[in-house]
C-alpha cells in the first residue's frame, strides 16, 4: 500500500481549507433581508390584487352604500338600524383572490360606520349554534344563552370580482371590476347597487408573462 507523499497531503489540506473559506461566502450571498413596514403602506410588487385593493375598495364602496337613499327609507319605516348580513363575494377574475379577506374588510367598514348592525355569516352561525347546544348541555342555568332569538337580517350584501387582462410584449394592463348589490331579504328588492373599477399598467420586470 502506497503512503501519500508530503506534497500530496499538503495539496489535500489546502483544498479542505479553501472549501471552508468558500462555503460561508456562498451562504452570505443568498441571505435575505426582511424590513417591517406599516400594514397600511401601499406596496405593488406583481401588480396583482393585494391588501391595499381589498381595503380601499371595501371602504369606498361601503361609504357609497351607506350614503344611499335606502338607508333614509329604512329609517322612516323602522324604529331601528338596518341589519345586514354579508353573503358571498364570488371571485370570477383570472387570478386567485382571497374572498374571505375582502368580506372581512367589508364587514369592518360596515361595523365601524355605526349606521348598521352586522350579523354573523352562515359559517359563523353554525359555530355559534354549536356553542349554544354545548351550553345547554354543560353551562350553568344562569349563563345559558337561549335558542331561537337570533337577530334576523333585513338586507344581504353580495357581489362579484371580475378582471380583464391585456398583454403586449413587455407591458400588461389588468382591469378589475367589483360589483356589490344590497338585497332586501323580505321583498327581494335591490336596494343599492355599487361598482368600483381599478386599472393597473404593469411594465416588464414587474411580472412574469
C-alpha atoms as a PDB file:
ATOM      1  CA  UNK A   1       0.000   0.000   0.000  1.00  0.00           C
ATOM      2  CA  UNK A   2       1.415   3.424  -1.022  1.00  0.00           C
ATOM      3  CA  UNK A   3       1.701   6.164   1.571  1.00  0.00           C
ATOM      4  CA  UNK A   4       0.628   9.631   0.342  1.00  0.00           C
ATOM      5  CA  UNK A   5       3.544  11.940  -0.244  1.00  0.00           C
ATOM      6  CA  UNK A   6       4.065  15.086   1.767  1.00  0.00           C
ATOM      7  CA  UNK A   7       3.203  17.192  -1.274  1.00  0.00           C
ATOM      8  CA  UNK A   8       0.003  15.205  -1.848  1.00  0.00           C
ATOM      9  CA  UNK A   9      -1.062  15.592   1.776  1.00  0.00           C
ATOM     10  CA  UNK A  10      -0.391  19.320   1.614  1.00  0.00           C
ATOM     11  CA  UNK A  11      -2.476  19.612  -1.525  1.00  0.00           C
ATOM     12  CA  UNK A  12      -5.422  17.860   0.158  1.00  0.00           C
ATOM     13  CA  UNK A  13      -5.115  20.122   3.213  1.00  0.00           C
ATOM     14  CA  UNK A  14      -5.127  23.235   1.007  1.00  0.00           C
ATOM     15  CA  UNK A  15      -8.260  22.090  -0.802  1.00  0.00           C
ATOM     16  CA  UNK A  16     -10.012  21.492   2.530  1.00  0.00           C
ATOM     17  CA  UNK A  17      -9.126  24.974   3.825  1.00  0.00           C
ATOM     18  CA  UNK A  18     -10.306  26.534   0.561  1.00  0.00           C
ATOM     19  CA  UNK A  19     -13.666  24.733   0.851  1.00  0.00           C
ATOM     20  CA  UNK A  20     -14.173  26.095   4.370  1.00  0.00           C
ATOM     21  CA  UNK A  21     -13.481  29.608   3.111  1.00  0.00           C
ATOM     22  CA  UNK A  22     -15.814  29.354   0.099  1.00  0.00           C
ATOM     23  CA  UNK A  23     -18.888  27.871   1.817  1.00  0.00           C
ATOM     24  CA  UNK A  24     -19.556  30.821   4.182  1.00  0.00           C
ATOM     25  CA  UNK A  25     -19.305  33.218   1.238  1.00  0.00           C
ATOM     26  CA  UNK A  26     -21.893  31.173  -0.648  1.00  0.00           C
ATOM     27  CA  UNK A  27     -24.221  31.330   2.349  1.00  0.00           C
ATOM     28  CA  UNK A  28     -23.846  35.090   2.700  1.00  0.00           C
ATOM     29  CA  UNK A  29     -24.633  35.728  -0.951  1.00  0.00           C
ATOM     30  CA  UNK A  30     -28.071  34.074  -0.648  1.00  0.00           C
ATOM     31  CA  UNK A  31     -29.078  35.659   2.675  1.00  0.00           C
ATOM     32  CA  UNK A  32     -32.406  37.530   2.889  1.00  0.00           C
ATOM     33  CA  UNK A  33     -33.166  40.947   4.323  1.00  0.00           C
ATOM     34  CA  UNK A  34     -36.577  41.496   5.909  1.00  0.00           C
ATOM     35  CA  UNK A  35     -37.890  45.009   6.571  1.00  0.00           C
ATOM     36  CA  UNK A  36     -41.041  45.623   8.581  1.00  0.00           C
ATOM     37  CA  UNK A  37     -43.391  48.324   7.267  1.00  0.00           C
ATOM     38  CA  UNK A  38     -46.761  49.759   8.296  1.00  0.00           C
ATOM     39  CA  UNK A  39     -49.668  47.497   7.307  1.00  0.00           C
ATOM     40  CA  UNK A  40     -51.442  50.358   5.515  1.00  0.00           C
ATOM     41  CA  UNK A  41     -48.440  51.044   3.274  1.00  0.00           C
ATOM     42  CA  UNK A  42     -49.167  50.548  -0.430  1.00  0.00           C
ATOM     43  CA  UNK A  43     -46.789  48.008  -1.983  1.00  0.00           C
ATOM     44  CA  UNK A  44     -47.342  46.783  -5.546  1.00  0.00           C
ATOM     45  CA  UNK A  45     -44.811  44.109  -6.462  1.00  0.00           C
ATOM     46  CA  UNK A  46     -46.579  41.979  -9.055  1.00  0.00           C
ATOM     47  CA  UNK A  47     -49.488  44.260  -9.931  1.00  0.00           C
ATOM     48  CA  UNK A  48     -51.980  41.604  -8.825  1.00  0.00           C
ATOM     49  CA  UNK A  49     -54.886  42.168  -6.452  1.00  0.00           C
ATOM     50  CA  UNK A  50     -53.468  42.890  -2.992  1.00  0.00           C
ATOM     51  CA  UNK A  51     -54.406  44.007   0.517  1.00  0.00           C
ATOM     52  CA  UNK A  52     -54.494  47.678  -0.488  1.00  0.00           C
ATOM     53  CA  UNK A  53     -57.033  46.970  -3.244  1.00  0.00           C
ATOM     54  CA  UNK A  54     -59.196  44.995  -0.809  1.00  0.00           C
ATOM     55  CA  UNK A  55     -59.109  47.677   1.893  1.00  0.00           C
ATOM     56  CA  UNK A  56     -59.603  50.725  -0.335  1.00  0.00           C
ATOM     57  CA  UNK A  57     -62.377  49.185  -2.433  1.00  0.00           C
ATOM     58  CA  UNK A  58     -64.328  47.983   0.607  1.00  0.00           C
ATOM     59  CA  UNK A  59     -64.034  51.375   2.344  1.00  0.00           C
ATOM     60  CA  UNK A  60     -65.117  53.347  -0.742  1.00  0.00           C
ATOM     61  CA  UNK A  61     -67.983  51.041  -1.678  1.00  0.00           C
ATOM     62  CA  UNK A  62     -69.410  50.834   1.844  1.00  0.00           C
ATOM     63  CA  UNK A  63     -69.206  54.634   2.157  1.00  0.00           C
ATOM     64  CA  UNK A  64     -71.225  54.888  -1.069  1.00  0.00           C
ATOM     65  CA  UNK A  65     -73.659  52.203   0.119  1.00  0.00           C
ATOM     66  CA  UNK A  66     -74.370  53.958   3.409  1.00  0.00           C
ATOM     67  CA  UNK A  67     -74.942  57.238   1.559  1.00  0.00           C
ATOM     68  CA  UNK A  68     -77.782  55.716  -0.465  1.00  0.00           C
ATOM     69  CA  UNK A  69     -81.469  56.603  -0.229  1.00  0.00           C
ATOM     70  CA  UNK A  70     -82.304  53.108   1.037  1.00  0.00           C
ATOM     71  CA  UNK A  71     -80.920  53.973   4.477  1.00  0.00           C
ATOM     72  CA  UNK A  72     -83.209  57.003   4.792  1.00  0.00           C
ATOM     73  CA  UNK A  73     -86.190  54.960   3.566  1.00  0.00           C
ATOM     74  CA  UNK A  74     -85.459  52.253   6.126  1.00  0.00           C
ATOM     75  CA  UNK A  75     -85.224  54.799   8.930  1.00  0.00           C
ATOM     76  CA  UNK A  76     -88.671  56.186   8.068  1.00  0.00           C
ATOM     77  CA  UNK A  77     -90.250  52.705   8.134  1.00  0.00           C
ATOM     78  CA  UNK A  78     -88.470  51.130  11.087  1.00  0.00           C
ATOM     79  CA  UNK A  79     -87.529  52.327  14.546  1.00  0.00           C
ATOM     80  CA  UNK A  80     -84.151  50.597  14.491  1.00  0.00           C
ATOM     81  CA  UNK A  81     -80.978  50.472  12.476  1.00  0.00           C
ATOM     82  CA  UNK A  82     -80.988  48.109   9.487  1.00  0.00           C
ATOM     83  CA  UNK A  83     -79.360  44.734   9.992  1.00  0.00           C
ATOM     84  CA  UNK A  84     -77.080  43.462   7.220  1.00  0.00           C
ATOM     85  CA  UNK A  85     -75.534  40.078   6.531  1.00  0.00           C
ATOM     86  CA  UNK A  86     -72.603  39.859   4.120  1.00  0.00           C
ATOM     87  CA  UNK A  87     -73.136  36.963   1.751  1.00  0.00           C
ATOM     88  CA  UNK A  88     -70.878  35.518  -0.928  1.00  0.00           C
ATOM     89  CA  UNK A  89     -68.472  37.660  -2.922  1.00  0.00           C
ATOM     90  CA  UNK A  90     -67.592  35.392  -5.842  1.00  0.00           C
ATOM     91  CA  UNK A  91     -64.210  35.601  -7.487  1.00  0.00           C
ATOM     92  CA  UNK A  92     -64.728  35.497 -11.259  1.00  0.00           C
ATOM     93  CA  UNK A  93     -61.354  37.040 -12.052  1.00  0.00           C
ATOM     94  CA  UNK A  94     -58.364  35.423 -13.769  1.00  0.00           C
ATOM     95  CA  UNK A  95     -56.329  35.147 -10.580  1.00  0.00           C
ATOM     96  CA  UNK A  96     -56.642  33.865  -7.036  1.00  0.00           C
ATOM     97  CA  UNK A  97     -58.324  36.438  -4.795  1.00  0.00           C
ATOM     98  CA  UNK A  98     -58.928  35.509  -1.138  1.00  0.00           C
ATOM     99  CA  UNK A  99     -62.604  36.427  -0.854  1.00  0.00           C
ATOM    100  CA  UNK A 100     -62.539  35.879   2.914  1.00  0.00           C
ATOM    101  CA  UNK A 101     -60.189  38.835   3.382  1.00  0.00           C
ATOM    102  CA  UNK A 102     -62.362  41.063   1.189  1.00  0.00           C
ATOM    103  CA  UNK A 103     -65.524  40.048   3.070  1.00  0.00           C
ATOM    104  CA  UNK A 104     -63.798  40.807   6.383  1.00  0.00           C
ATOM    105  CA  UNK A 105     -62.850  44.271   5.082  1.00  0.00           C
ATOM    106  CA  UNK A 106     -66.480  44.877   4.042  1.00  0.00           C
ATOM    107  CA  UNK A 107     -67.781  43.800   7.453  1.00  0.00           C
ATOM    108  CA  UNK A 108     -65.208  46.017   9.194  1.00  0.00           C
ATOM    109  CA  UNK A 109     -66.284  49.052   7.171  1.00  0.00           C
ATOM    110  CA  UNK A 110     -69.970  48.376   7.918  1.00  0.00           C
ATOM    111  CA  UNK A 111     -69.495  47.845  11.656  1.00  0.00           C
ATOM    112  CA  UNK A 112     -67.155  50.828  12.082  1.00  0.00           C
ATOM    113  CA  UNK A 113     -69.680  53.125  10.357  1.00  0.00           C
ATOM    114  CA  UNK A 114     -72.033  52.805  13.333  1.00  0.00           C
ATOM    115  CA  UNK A 115     -75.015  53.131  10.971  1.00  0.00           C
ATOM    116  CA  UNK A 116     -75.995  49.452  10.648  1.00  0.00           C
ATOM    117  CA  UNK A 117     -75.929  46.191  12.561  1.00  0.00           C
ATOM    118  CA  UNK A 118     -73.980  43.291  11.049  1.00  0.00           C
ATOM    119  CA  UNK A 119     -74.880  39.694  11.892  1.00  0.00           C
ATOM    120  CA  UNK A 120     -72.829  36.524  11.603  1.00  0.00           C
ATOM    121  CA  UNK A 121     -72.323  34.783   8.282  1.00  0.00           C
ATOM    122  CA  UNK A 122     -73.763  31.348   7.560  1.00  0.00           C
ATOM    123  CA  UNK A 123     -70.496  29.623   8.523  1.00  0.00           C
ATOM    124  CA  UNK A 124     -70.191  31.626  11.749  1.00  0.00           C
ATOM    125  CA  UNK A 125     -73.780  30.807  12.719  1.00  0.00           C
ATOM    126  CA  UNK A 126     -73.012  27.096  12.576  1.00  0.00           C
ATOM    127  CA  UNK A 127     -70.267  27.563  15.172  1.00  0.00           C
ATOM    128  CA  UNK A 128     -72.455  29.812  17.325  1.00  0.00           C
ATOM    129  CA  UNK A 129     -75.338  27.343  17.328  1.00  0.00           C
ATOM    130  CA  UNK A 130     -72.981  24.520  18.227  1.00  0.00           C
ATOM    131  CA  UNK A 131     -71.761  26.629  21.156  1.00  0.00           C
ATOM    132  CA  UNK A 132     -75.348  27.190  22.307  1.00  0.00           C
ATOM    133  CA  UNK A 133     -76.036  23.455  22.140  1.00  0.00           C
ATOM    134  CA  UNK A 134     -72.926  22.833  24.223  1.00  0.00           C
ATOM    135  CA  UNK A 135     -74.051  25.433  26.763  1.00  0.00           C
ATOM    136  CA  UNK A 136     -77.424  23.736  27.146  1.00  0.00           C
ATOM    137  CA  UNK A 137     -75.607  20.500  27.929  1.00  0.00           C
ATOM    138  CA  UNK A 138     -72.850  21.852  30.169  1.00  0.00           C
ATOM    139  CA  UNK A 139     -73.244  25.503  31.253  1.00  0.00           C
ATOM    140  CA  UNK A 140     -74.992  26.767  34.383  1.00  0.00           C
ATOM    141  CA  UNK A 141     -78.624  27.800  34.055  1.00  0.00           C
ATOM    142  CA  UNK A 142     -77.753  31.443  34.769  1.00  0.00           C
ATOM    143  CA  UNK A 143     -75.323  31.684  31.841  1.00  0.00           C
ATOM    144  CA  UNK A 144     -77.090  29.617  29.161  1.00  0.00           C
ATOM    145  CA  UNK A 145     -77.924  31.583  26.012  1.00  0.00           C
ATOM    146  CA  UNK A 146     -81.441  30.987  24.689  1.00  0.00           C
ATOM    147  CA  UNK A 147     -82.065  29.436  21.292  1.00  0.00           C
ATOM    148  CA  UNK A 148     -84.361  30.944  18.680  1.00  0.00           C
ATOM    149  CA  UNK A 149     -83.819  34.623  19.457  1.00  0.00           C
ATOM    150  CA  UNK A 150     -81.136  35.458  16.897  1.00  0.00           C
ATOM    151  CA  UNK A 151     -81.279  38.829  15.193  1.00  0.00           C
ATOM    152  CA  UNK A 152     -82.520  38.376  11.648  1.00  0.00           C
ATOM    153  CA  UNK A 153     -81.017  40.381   8.811  1.00  0.00           C
ATOM    154  CA  UNK A 154     -83.042  42.922   6.835  1.00  0.00           C
ATOM    155  CA  UNK A 155     -80.597  43.048   3.920  1.00  0.00           C
ATOM    156  CA  UNK A 156     -77.957  40.851   2.304  1.00  0.00           C
ATOM    157  CA  UNK A 157     -74.861  42.296   0.636  1.00  0.00           C
ATOM    158  CA  UNK A 158     -73.206  40.133  -2.021  1.00  0.00           C
ATOM    159  CA  UNK A 159     -71.299  40.529  -5.261  1.00  0.00           C
ATOM    160  CA  UNK A 160     -68.541  39.540  -7.655  1.00  0.00           C
ATOM    161  CA  UNK A 161     -64.942  40.404  -8.533  1.00  0.00           C
ATOM    162  CA  UNK A 162     -64.031  40.212 -12.232  1.00  0.00           C
ATOM    163  CA  UNK A 163     -60.895  41.024 -14.196  1.00  0.00           C
ATOM    164  CA  UNK A 164     -59.676  41.511 -17.771  1.00  0.00           C
ATOM    165  CA  UNK A 165     -56.034  41.267 -18.870  1.00  0.00           C
ATOM    166  CA  UNK A 166     -54.376  42.676 -21.978  1.00  0.00           C
ATOM    167  CA  UNK A 167     -50.707  41.944 -22.778  1.00  0.00           C
ATOM    168  CA  UNK A 168     -48.383  43.175 -25.494  1.00  0.00           C
ATOM    169  CA  UNK A 169     -44.648  42.465 -25.427  1.00  0.00           C
ATOM    170  CA  UNK A 170     -43.333  43.748 -22.083  1.00  0.00           C
ATOM    171  CA  UNK A 171     -46.463  45.502 -20.826  1.00  0.00           C
ATOM    172  CA  UNK A 172     -49.633  44.151 -19.247  1.00  0.00           C
ATOM    173  CA  UNK A 173     -52.834  46.003 -18.356  1.00  0.00           C
ATOM    174  CA  UNK A 174     -55.064  44.492 -15.663  1.00  0.00           C
ATOM    175  CA  UNK A 175     -58.619  45.760 -15.193  1.00  0.00           C
ATOM    176  CA  UNK A 176     -60.638  44.824 -12.083  1.00  0.00           C
ATOM    177  CA  UNK A 177     -64.354  45.401 -11.613  1.00  0.00           C
ATOM    178  CA  UNK A 178     -66.108  44.839  -8.276  1.00  0.00           C
ATOM    179  CA  UNK A 179     -69.917  44.758  -8.215  1.00  0.00           C
ATOM    180  CA  UNK A 180     -71.858  44.701  -4.939  1.00  0.00           C
ATOM    181  CA  UNK A 181     -75.641  44.501  -4.524  1.00  0.00           C
ATOM    182  CA  UNK A 182     -77.711  45.113  -1.389  1.00  0.00           C
ATOM    183  CA  UNK A 183     -80.867  42.977  -1.431  1.00  0.00           C
ATOM    184  CA  UNK A 184     -83.967  43.491   0.695  1.00  0.00           C
ATOM    185  CA  UNK A 185     -84.462  39.996   2.131  1.00  0.00           C
ATOM    186  CA  UNK A 186     -88.223  40.398   2.631  1.00  0.00           C
ATOM    187  CA  UNK A 187     -89.092  41.667  -0.852  1.00  0.00           C
ATOM    188  CA  UNK A 188     -86.005  40.613  -2.923  1.00  0.00           C
ATOM    189  CA  UNK A 189     -85.782  44.284  -3.966  1.00  0.00           C
ATOM    190  CA  UNK A 190     -82.349  45.590  -4.944  1.00  0.00           C
ATOM    191  CA  UNK A 191     -81.927  48.462  -2.519  1.00  0.00           C
ATOM    192  CA  UNK A 192     -78.450  49.544  -3.679  1.00  0.00           C
ATOM    193  CA  UNK A 193     -76.013  48.616  -6.448  1.00  0.00           C
ATOM    194  CA  UNK A 194     -72.372  49.674  -6.297  1.00  0.00           C
ATOM    195  CA  UNK A 195     -69.482  49.313  -8.707  1.00  0.00           C
ATOM    196  CA  UNK A 196     -65.772  50.019  -8.370  1.00  0.00           C
ATOM    197  CA  UNK A 197     -63.109  49.721 -11.088  1.00  0.00           C
ATOM    198  CA  UNK A 198     -59.306  49.571 -10.934  1.00  0.00           C
ATOM    199  CA  UNK A 199     -56.866  49.570 -13.845  1.00  0.00           C
ATOM    200  CA  UNK A 200     -53.144  48.794 -13.478  1.00  0.00           C
ATOM    201  CA  UNK A 201     -50.348  49.055 -16.039  1.00  0.00           C
ATOM    202  CA  UNK A 202     -47.504  46.608 -15.316  1.00  0.00           C
ATOM    203  CA  UNK A 203     -44.195  47.110 -17.107  1.00  0.00           C
ATOM    204  CA  UNK A 204     -41.652  44.429 -17.985  1.00  0.00           C
ATOM    205  CA  UNK A 205     -39.688  43.247 -14.968  1.00  0.00           C
ATOM    206  CA  UNK A 206     -42.699  43.664 -12.651  1.00  0.00           C
ATOM    207  CA  UNK A 207     -44.434  40.490 -13.762  1.00  0.00           C
ATOM    208  CA  UNK A 208     -43.818  37.115 -15.343  1.00  0.00           C
ATOM    209  CA  UNK A 209     -45.645  36.760 -18.704  1.00  0.00           C
END
